[in-house]
Structures are given as structure tokens and as C-alpha cells.
Amino acid sequence: MGKMKQVAMIIAENDVDTLETMISLAKRNGRERVFYRGELYTMEQADNMLNFIYNELDQIRRAEQSI
């Protein structure tokens, strides 16, 4: 599955909090990788994905406010 499709699914299923929790737990336990939705991500990949999702959600929120 492509990364954009995966990000879209995370947003659509409102599963952002789970990703954030998995990243926090991994960091707290000193791990360098995050296992999420059946895939293993480096901490950098997971952080980038979370930041991208937050940016997309912010853009959606701004678009809704401007309507």
C-alpha cells in the first residue's frame, strides 16, 4: 500500500492518537523502530508520518473554518 493511501486511511479511521501513542511508547522504551498497522517504521519515518498527518488535519480545519 502506498504511503499516501496509508496516511489517508489513518486520518479517515481517526487513528492518529494510536500512532502518537505508539511513537511515545517506543521513545520511552528506547526503541529505534515503531510497529504500527502491521509495518515496522524507523522513528524518523513514524515522526514524519505523524507530522504530515497533523499538517493535513490543520489544512482541513482551516479550509472548514473559511467556509
Protein backbone atom coordinates (compact mmCIF):
# COMPACT_ATOMS: atom_id res chain seq x y z
CA MET A 1 0.00 0.00 0.00
CA GLY A 2 1.30 3.45 -0.86
CA LYS A 3 2.21 5.85 1.93
CA MET A 4 -0.38 8.44 0.87
CA LYS A 5 -3.14 5.83 0.94
CA GLN A 6 -1.97 4.65 4.35
CA VAL A 7 -1.96 8.21 5.69
CA ALA A 8 -5.44 8.78 4.27
CA MET A 9 -6.68 5.62 5.99
CA ILE A 10 -5.20 6.71 9.32
CA ILE A 11 -6.95 10.06 9.03
CA ALA A 12 -10.24 8.54 7.86
CA GLU A 13 -10.28 5.99 10.66
CA ASN A 14 -9.34 8.66 13.22
CA ASP A 15 -6.37 6.55 14.30
CA VAL A 16 -3.87 9.38 14.74
CA ASP A 17 -3.89 9.08 18.54
CA THR A 18 -2.85 5.44 18.28
CA LEU A 19 0.13 6.32 16.11
CA GLU A 20 1.13 9.08 18.51
CA THR A 21 0.87 6.68 21.45
CA MET A 22 2.96 4.03 19.70
CA ILE A 23 5.67 6.60 18.95
CA SER A 24 5.67 7.83 22.55
CA LEU A 25 5.93 4.30 23.93
CA ALA A 26 8.75 3.42 21.58
CA LYS A 27 10.68 6.55 22.55
CA ARG A 28 10.09 5.95 26.24
CA ASN A 29 11.37 2.38 25.92
CA GLY A 30 14.45 3.48 23.97
CA ARG A 31 13.44 1.75 20.77
CA GLU A 32 14.50 2.89 17.34
CA ARG A 33 11.53 1.44 15.48
CA VAL A 34 7.75 1.58 15.72
CA PHE A 35 5.46 -1.32 14.77
CA TYR A 36 2.19 0.15 13.58
CA ARG A 37 -0.58 -1.33 11.44
CA GLY A 38 1.47 -4.37 10.54
CA GLU A 39 4.56 -2.47 9.40
CA LEU A 40 7.85 -1.57 11.04
CA TYR A 41 8.89 2.08 10.76
CA THR A 42 12.04 3.84 11.85
CA MET A 43 11.42 6.52 14.45
CA GLU A 44 12.17 9.15 11.79
CA GLN A 45 9.60 7.66 9.39
CA ALA A 46 6.95 7.47 12.11
CA ASP A 47 7.60 11.06 13.24
CA ASN A 48 7.49 12.30 9.65
CA MET A 49 4.22 10.47 9.04
CA LEU A 50 2.69 11.93 12.21
CA ASN A 51 3.85 15.45 11.32
CA PHE A 52 2.44 15.07 7.81
CA ILE A 53 -0.91 13.92 9.22
CA TYR A 54 -1.05 16.85 11.63
CA ASN A 55 -0.30 19.26 8.78
CA GLU A 56 -3.06 17.73 6.65
CA LEU A 57 -5.56 17.87 9.51
CA ASP A 58 -4.63 21.50 10.13
CA GLN A 59 -5.21 22.34 6.46
CA ILE A 60 -8.59 20.59 6.57
CA ARG A 61 -9.55 22.50 9.71
CA ARG A 62 -8.53 25.82 8.15
CA ALA A 63 -10.49 25.07 4.98
CA GLU A 64 -13.58 24.23 7.02
CA GLN A 65 -13.26 27.46 9.02
CA SER A 66 -13.03 29.55 5.87
CA ILE A 67 -16.30 28.19 4.50
